N, C-alpha and C. Protein backbone atom coordinates (compact mmCIF):
# COMPACT_ATOMS: atom_id res chain seq x y z
N MET A 1 13.53 -9.45 3.73
CA MET A 1 14.60 -8.92 4.45
C MET A 1 13.56 -7.84 3.57
N ASP A 2 13.71 -6.47 5.38
CA ASP A 2 13.26 -5.40 5.38
C ASP A 2 13.99 -4.94 4.26
N ASN A 3 13.56 -4.18 3.71
CA ASN A 3 14.06 -2.69 2.81
C ASN A 3 13.40 -1.35 2.98
N ILE A 4 14.10 0.25 3.10
CA ILE A 4 13.52 1.27 2.94
C ILE A 4 14.57 1.63 1.86
N PRO A 5 13.29 1.47 0.33
CA PRO A 5 14.47 2.08 -0.61
C PRO A 5 14.00 3.73 -0.93
N THR A 6 14.78 4.05 -1.18
CA THR A 6 15.57 5.05 -1.66
C THR A 6 15.83 6.00 -2.41
N LEU A 7 15.43 7.14 -3.51
CA LEU A 7 16.41 7.42 -4.55
C LEU A 7 17.30 7.81 -4.55
N ASN A 8 18.38 7.04 -5.75
CA ASN A 8 19.88 6.54 -6.37
C ASN A 8 19.76 8.07 -6.55
N HIS A 9 20.06 9.12 -6.45
CA HIS A 9 21.77 10.26 -6.60
C HIS A 9 22.45 10.42 -7.54
N GLY A 10 23.32 9.46 -8.37
CA GLY A 10 23.68 9.23 -9.09
C GLY A 10 23.04 9.09 -10.55
N ALA A 11 21.93 8.12 -10.21
CA ALA A 11 21.18 7.93 -11.61
C ALA A 11 20.08 9.28 -11.18
N ARG A 12 19.81 9.84 -12.81
CA ARG A 12 19.52 11.14 -12.97
C ARG A 12 18.33 11.00 -13.47
N GLY A 13 18.09 9.71 -14.16
CA GLY A 13 16.69 9.30 -14.41
C GLY A 13 15.92 9.59 -13.16
N GLU A 14 16.11 8.34 -12.82
CA GLU A 14 15.48 7.81 -11.27
C GLU A 14 14.41 9.18 -10.25
N ILE A 15 15.42 10.60 -10.01
CA ILE A 15 15.00 11.96 -9.96
C ILE A 15 14.21 12.48 -10.91
N GLN A 16 14.21 12.31 -12.19
CA GLN A 16 13.68 12.98 -13.28
C GLN A 16 12.40 12.75 -13.58
N ASN A 17 12.12 11.28 -12.61
CA ASN A 17 11.25 10.19 -12.95
C ASN A 17 9.85 10.66 -11.69
N CYS A 18 10.88 12.25 -11.20
CA CYS A 18 9.87 12.39 -9.92
C CYS A 18 8.43 13.44 -10.52
N ASN A 19 7.71 13.32 -11.04
CA ASN A 19 7.69 14.70 -11.42
C ASN A 19 6.01 14.47 -10.67
N PHE A 20 5.69 14.53 -9.85
CA PHE A 20 4.10 14.19 -8.82
C PHE A 20 3.36 15.58 -8.61
N ASP A 21 2.56 16.14 -9.18
CA ASP A 21 1.24 16.63 -8.68
C ASP A 21 0.40 17.38 -7.29
N PHE A 22 1.58 16.15 -5.96
CA PHE A 22 1.09 15.86 -5.17
C PHE A 22 0.45 17.28 -4.28
N THR A 23 -0.56 17.62 -3.96
CA THR A 23 -1.17 19.01 -3.05
C THR A 23 -0.87 18.25 -1.08
N GLU A 24 -0.66 19.65 -0.72
CA GLU A 24 -0.63 18.99 0.90
C GLU A 24 -1.98 18.06 1.47
N GLU A 25 -2.66 17.94 0.73
CA GLU A 25 -4.41 17.27 1.15
C GLU A 25 -3.92 16.11 0.72
N PHE A 26 -2.72 15.93 -0.04
CA PHE A 26 -2.42 14.73 -0.30
C PHE A 26 -1.56 13.81 0.30
N TYR A 27 0.01 14.59 1.34
CA TYR A 27 0.06 13.82 1.75
C TYR A 27 -0.03 12.72 3.46
N PRO A 28 -1.21 13.58 4.20
CA PRO A 28 -1.31 12.79 5.27
C PRO A 28 -3.11 12.02 4.79
N GLN A 29 -3.55 12.04 3.25
CA GLN A 29 -4.31 11.09 2.57
C GLN A 29 -3.63 9.70 2.62
N PHE A 30 -2.55 10.02 1.69
CA PHE A 30 -2.01 9.02 1.18
C PHE A 30 -0.94 8.16 2.95
N HIS A 31 -0.41 8.71 3.48
CA HIS A 31 -0.23 8.70 5.07
C HIS A 31 -1.10 7.34 5.01
N ASN A 32 -2.33 8.39 5.97
CA ASN A 32 -3.45 7.44 6.26
C ASN A 32 -4.09 6.14 5.75
N PHE A 33 -3.12 6.07 3.65
CA PHE A 33 -4.02 4.55 3.21
C PHE A 33 -3.32 3.87 3.19
N ILE A 34 -1.92 4.04 4.06
CA ILE A 34 -1.12 2.80 3.60
C ILE A 34 -1.01 3.07 5.12
N ARG A 35 -1.11 3.43 6.18
CA ARG A 35 -1.57 2.79 7.47
C ARG A 35 -2.79 1.77 7.26
N GLN A 36 -4.07 2.33 6.55
CA GLN A 36 -5.01 1.67 7.32
C GLN A 36 -5.15 -0.32 5.90
N ASN A 37 -4.22 0.05 4.99
CA ASN A 37 -4.17 -1.29 3.89
C ASN A 37 -2.75 -1.34 4.57
N PRO A 38 -2.34 -1.43 5.10
CA PRO A 38 -0.32 -2.22 5.82
C PRO A 38 -0.62 -3.42 4.72
N GLY A 39 0.77 -3.62 3.84
CA GLY A 39 1.43 -5.00 3.43
C GLY A 39 0.65 -5.61 2.03
N LYS A 40 0.08 -5.00 1.70
CA LYS A 40 0.18 -5.02 0.54
C LYS A 40 1.11 -4.54 -0.63
N THR A 41 0.85 -4.97 -2.09
CA THR A 41 1.50 -4.89 -3.36
C THR A 41 1.72 -3.65 -3.39
N SER A 42 2.54 -2.75 -4.41
CA SER A 42 2.33 -1.80 -5.63
C SER A 42 1.22 -1.95 -6.71
N LYS A 43 0.88 -3.21 -7.21
CA LYS A 43 -0.18 -3.87 -7.66
C LYS A 43 -1.92 -3.57 -6.85
N GLU A 44 -1.30 -4.08 -5.81
CA GLU A 44 -2.70 -4.00 -4.72
C GLU A 44 -2.92 -2.18 -5.10
N LEU A 45 -2.16 -1.28 -4.59
CA LEU A 45 -2.36 -0.55 -3.56
C LEU A 45 -2.65 0.63 -5.45
N CYS A 46 -2.29 0.13 -6.23
CA CYS A 46 -3.34 1.26 -7.46
C CYS A 46 -3.57 0.79 -7.59
N ASN A 47 -3.80 -0.79 -7.65
CA ASN A 47 -6.10 -0.59 -7.99
C ASN A 47 -6.56 0.18 -7.02
N MET A 48 -6.19 0.38 -5.57
CA MET A 48 -7.19 0.63 -4.47
C MET A 48 -7.09 2.08 -4.31
N ILE A 49 -6.24 2.95 -4.31
CA ILE A 49 -6.08 4.51 -4.52
C ILE A 49 -6.79 4.77 -6.01
N THR A 50 -7.74 5.59 -5.37
CA THR A 50 -8.02 6.40 -6.23
C THR A 50 -8.58 7.93 -5.42
N PHE A 51 -7.61 8.52 -4.93
CA PHE A 51 -6.47 9.76 -4.96
C PHE A 51 -5.35 10.13 -5.64
N TYR A 52 -4.67 9.22 -6.34
CA TYR A 52 -3.89 9.74 -7.60
C TYR A 52 -4.06 8.94 -8.36
N ASP A 53 -3.82 8.91 -9.50
CA ASP A 53 -3.37 8.13 -10.40
C ASP A 53 -1.83 8.23 -10.97
N PHE A 54 -1.63 6.63 -10.24
CA PHE A 54 0.25 6.05 -10.76
C PHE A 54 -0.63 4.24 -10.91
N THR A 55 0.93 4.28 -11.33
CA THR A 55 1.53 3.07 -12.03
C THR A 55 1.95 2.55 -10.90
N GLU A 56 1.97 0.97 -11.28
CA GLU A 56 3.42 0.50 -10.20
C GLU A 56 4.48 1.12 -10.20
N GLU A 57 5.33 2.21 -11.32
CA GLU A 57 6.36 2.03 -11.12
C GLU A 57 6.61 3.47 -10.82
N THR A 58 5.63 4.34 -10.88
CA THR A 58 5.80 6.15 -10.38
C THR A 58 5.12 5.19 -8.61
N LEU A 59 4.61 4.64 -8.38
CA LEU A 59 4.37 4.68 -6.73
C LEU A 59 4.82 4.32 -6.19
N PHE A 60 5.96 3.67 -7.02
CA PHE A 60 7.87 3.28 -5.86
C PHE A 60 8.62 4.38 -6.56
N SER A 61 8.61 5.17 -7.05
CA SER A 61 9.16 6.11 -7.02
C SER A 61 8.56 7.10 -6.16
N ALA A 62 7.64 7.13 -5.73
CA ALA A 62 6.79 8.14 -4.45
C ALA A 62 7.74 7.45 -3.19
N PHE A 63 7.23 6.44 -3.29
CA PHE A 63 7.88 5.69 -2.10
C PHE A 63 9.61 5.82 -1.59
N LYS A 64 9.82 6.03 -2.57
CA LYS A 64 11.76 6.76 -2.49
C LYS A 64 11.57 8.04 -1.88
N LEU A 65 11.04 8.48 -3.47
CA LEU A 65 11.06 9.90 -2.96
C LEU A 65 10.18 10.44 -1.37
N PHE A 66 9.97 10.45 -0.38
CA PHE A 66 9.10 10.03 0.44
C PHE A 66 10.11 9.71 1.57
N ASN A 67 11.02 8.64 1.26
CA ASN A 67 12.34 7.86 2.38
C ASN A 67 13.08 8.03 2.10
N THR A 68 13.54 9.05 0.94
CA THR A 68 15.38 9.78 0.70
C THR A 68 14.86 11.12 1.16
N TYR A 69 14.32 12.04 1.86
CA TYR A 69 13.80 13.01 1.96
C TYR A 69 12.77 13.70 2.98
N LYS A 70 13.15 11.85 4.11
CA LYS A 70 12.22 11.96 5.18
C LYS A 70 12.36 13.55 6.41
N ASN A 71 13.49 14.06 6.61
CA ASN A 71 12.42 15.59 6.82
C ASN A 71 11.95 15.88 6.60
N THR A 72 11.67 16.32 5.83
CA THR A 72 10.51 17.38 4.37
C THR A 72 9.25 16.64 4.29
N PHE A 73 9.62 15.28 4.70
CA PHE A 73 7.86 14.76 5.36
C PHE A 73 7.56 14.68 6.17
N TYR A 74 8.45 15.06 7.02
CA TYR A 74 8.29 14.67 8.92
C TYR A 74 6.79 14.61 9.30
N ASN A 75 6.52 14.41 10.00
CA ASN A 75 4.79 14.10 10.35
C ASN A 75 3.96 14.72 9.23
N LYS A 76 4.54 14.96 7.84
CA LYS A 76 2.70 14.28 6.85
C LYS A 76 3.07 12.71 5.78
N CYS A 77 4.62 12.28 5.14
CA CYS A 77 4.35 11.02 4.96
C CYS A 77 5.85 9.69 4.75
N GLY A 78 5.04 8.91 5.33
CA GLY A 78 5.67 7.67 5.51
C GLY A 78 6.49 8.19 6.97
N PRO A 79 8.16 7.50 7.02
CA PRO A 79 9.13 6.66 5.53
C PRO A 79 7.63 5.68 5.96
N PHE A 80 8.64 5.14 4.41
CA PHE A 80 7.85 3.16 3.97
C PHE A 80 8.91 2.02 3.67
N LEU A 81 8.20 0.90 4.20
CA LEU A 81 9.88 0.06 4.11
C LEU A 81 8.96 -0.72 3.44
N THR A 82 9.48 -1.88 2.42
CA THR A 82 8.79 -2.44 1.52
C THR A 82 9.43 -4.13 2.64
N LYS A 83 8.61 -5.26 2.70
CA LYS A 83 9.59 -6.46 2.89
C LYS A 83 7.72 -7.40 2.48
N ASN A 84 9.21 -8.81 1.61
CA ASN A 84 8.82 -9.39 0.71
C ASN A 84 7.32 -8.85 -0.19
N ASP A 85 7.90 -7.34 -0.91
CA ASP A 85 6.98 -6.56 -2.39
C ASP A 85 5.80 -6.66 -1.49
N ARG A 86 5.98 -6.48 -0.53
CA ARG A 86 4.30 -5.75 0.27
C ARG A 86 5.11 -4.51 1.25
N TRP A 87 4.43 -3.45 0.97
CA TRP A 87 5.03 -1.75 1.72
C TRP A 87 3.90 -1.92 3.55
N PHE A 88 4.97 -0.83 3.85
CA PHE A 88 4.76 -1.02 5.58
C PHE A 88 5.03 0.37 5.64
N ILE A 89 4.29 1.49 6.31
CA ILE A 89 4.20 2.26 7.58
C ILE A 89 5.09 2.47 8.52
N ILE A 90 6.44 2.62 8.65
CA ILE A 90 7.39 2.76 9.43
C ILE A 90 6.20 3.74 10.72
N GLU A 91 6.11 2.92 11.93
CA GLU A 91 4.92 4.01 13.15
C GLU A 91 5.76 3.91 13.86
N LYS A 92 5.67 4.69 14.67
CA LYS A 92 6.64 5.29 16.02
C LYS A 92 6.38 4.28 17.23
N ASN A 93 5.12 3.92 17.71
CA ASN A 93 4.30 3.15 18.41
C ASN A 93 3.75 1.63 17.82
N GLN A 94 3.82 1.39 16.62
CA GLN A 94 3.46 0.45 16.55
C GLN A 94 5.24 -0.88 15.36
N SER A 95 4.92 -2.07 15.99
CA SER A 95 6.84 -2.69 15.25
C SER A 95 6.09 -3.44 13.80
N LEU A 96 6.45 -3.18 12.33
CA LEU A 96 6.46 -4.13 11.15
C LEU A 96 5.59 -5.54 11.67
N GLN A 97 6.12 -7.02 12.21
CA GLN A 97 4.51 -7.62 13.16
C GLN A 97 3.99 -6.94 13.34
N GLU A 98 3.53 -6.04 13.99
CA GLU A 98 1.61 -5.79 14.41
C GLU A 98 1.77 -5.76 12.52
N GLN A 99 2.39 -5.07 12.23
CA GLN A 99 1.61 -4.06 11.09
C GLN A 99 1.36 -5.60 10.25
N GLU A 100 1.98 -6.29 10.57
CA GLU A 100 1.86 -8.08 8.96
C GLU A 100 0.86 -8.73 9.97
N ILE A 101 0.03 -8.48 11.60
CA ILE A 101 -0.66 -8.85 11.87
C ILE A 101 -1.73 -8.81 11.29
N ILE A 102 -1.83 -6.67 10.86
CA ILE A 102 -2.97 -6.54 10.51
C ILE A 102 -3.95 -6.61 9.22
N ALA A 103 -2.43 -6.44 8.37
CA ALA A 103 -2.13 -6.95 7.13
C ALA A 103 -2.85 -8.69 6.81
N LEU A 104 -2.29 -8.79 7.55
CA LEU A 104 -2.90 -11.15 8.01
C LEU A 104 -4.76 -10.80 8.06
N LYS A 105 -4.89 -10.21 8.91
CA LYS A 105 -6.11 -10.27 9.30
C LYS A 105 -6.91 -9.92 8.22
N GLN A 106 -6.90 -8.37 7.62
CA GLN A 106 -7.81 -8.04 6.15
C GLN A 106 -7.53 -8.71 5.52
N GLU A 107 -6.74 -10.20 4.97
CA GLU A 107 -6.70 -10.68 3.88
C GLU A 107 -7.75 -12.14 4.38
N ILE A 108 -7.78 -12.13 5.99
CA ILE A 108 -8.15 -13.75 6.23
C ILE A 108 -9.90 -13.08 6.32
N ILE A 109 -10.30 -11.91 6.25
CA ILE A 109 -11.76 -11.18 6.84
C ILE A 109 -12.27 -11.12 5.13
N ALA A 110 -11.72 -11.03 4.31
CA ALA A 110 -11.40 -10.72 2.61
C ALA A 110 -11.98 -12.16 2.25
N LEU A 111 -11.60 -12.76 2.57
CA LEU A 111 -11.20 -13.82 1.65
C LEU A 111 -12.34 -14.81 2.00
N LYS A 112 -12.77 -15.04 3.91
CA LYS A 112 -14.21 -15.61 4.24
C LYS A 112 -15.23 -15.01 4.34
N LYS A 113 -15.53 -13.62 3.09
CA LYS A 113 -15.71 -12.70 2.62
C LYS A 113 -16.47 -13.54 1.03
N LYS A 114 -14.91 -13.42 -0.02
CA LYS A 114 -15.29 -14.52 -0.77
C LYS A 114 -16.21 -15.83 -0.14
N LEU A 115 -14.88 -16.57 0.70
CA LEU A 115 -15.77 -18.05 0.80
C LEU A 115 -17.43 -17.62 0.66
N GLU A 116 -17.41 -17.40 1.26
CA GLU A 116 -19.73 -17.18 2.28
C GLU A 116 -20.14 -16.61 0.94
N THR A 117 -19.08 -15.91 -0.44
CA THR A 117 -19.93 -15.33 -1.20
C THR A 117 -20.13 -16.86 -1.98
N ASN A 118 -18.67 -17.32 -2.76
CA ASN A 118 -18.45 -18.73 -3.21
C ASN A 118 -19.60 -19.69 -2.78
N GLY A 119 -19.43 -20.18 -1.53
CA GLY A 119 -20.38 -20.77 -1.29
C GLY A 119 -21.51 -20.95 -0.60
N THR A 120 -22.74 -19.47 -1.17
CA THR A 120 -24.23 -19.43 -1.23
C THR A 120 -23.91 -19.28 -3.59
N LYS A 121 -23.48 -19.31 -3.68
CA LYS A 121 -23.46 -19.29 -4.94
C LYS A 121 -23.87 -20.80 -5.68
N SER A 122 -23.04 -22.09 -4.71
CA SER A 122 -22.67 -22.84 -4.96
C SER A 122 -23.62 -23.75 -4.90
N ILE A 123 -24.24 -22.86 -3.25
CA ILE A 123 -25.81 -24.37 -2.83
C ILE A 123 -26.92 -24.05 -4.36
N GLU A 124 -26.58 -22.18 -4.25
CA GLU A 124 -27.63 -21.75 -5.22
C GLU A 124 -27.67 -23.04 -6.20
N THR A 125 -26.71 -23.80 -6.96
CA THR A 125 -26.95 -24.37 -8.15
C THR A 125 -27.16 -25.55 -8.08
N LYS A 126 -26.53 -26.04 -6.77
CA LYS A 126 -27.20 -27.44 -6.50
C LYS A 126 -28.58 -28.28 -5.95
N SER A 127 -29.23 -26.66 -5.77
CA SER A 127 -30.63 -27.05 -5.10
C SER A 127 -31.70 -25.57 -6.59
N GLY A 128 -30.80 -26.00 -7.42
CA GLY A 128 -31.85 -25.33 -8.69
C GLY A 128 -32.68 -23.61 -8.31
N THR A 129 -32.23 -23.00 -7.55
CA THR A 129 -33.01 -21.63 -6.72
C THR A 129 -32.11 -21.24 -7.15
N ASN A 130 -32.59 -19.20 -7.75
CA ASN A 130 -31.98 -18.72 -8.19
C ASN A 130 -32.04 -17.32 -6.24
N ARG A 131 -31.41 -16.71 -6.27
CA ARG A 131 -31.54 -15.23 -5.67
C ARG A 131 -32.09 -14.15 -5.71
């Protein structure tokens, strides 16, 4: 199911958890990062993002913040949706299916590289040679 999570205004704690120190440079960087890495889980994104220190919980809060105040972040960052615990950016010129295809292609490339690396190690082990 597609989901565009937003902050619950009735839950004070949720809004108070949004104590971020984002700079103006952060928003386009984050937006482009998610665009280039569609279909990643919060955990995967936290491990990949090097320009801000997120936990899975703070990353989820940031997504909710950008979605809740989409007029504030219009043309800067977001909105974002989650499908099967994987994050996507909502693009005017690109459907969710197209983004899922991109994400799957990236995953296939990563898996092929992993297989090639493991296959090389396996061949070296069997032949008794080291490179």
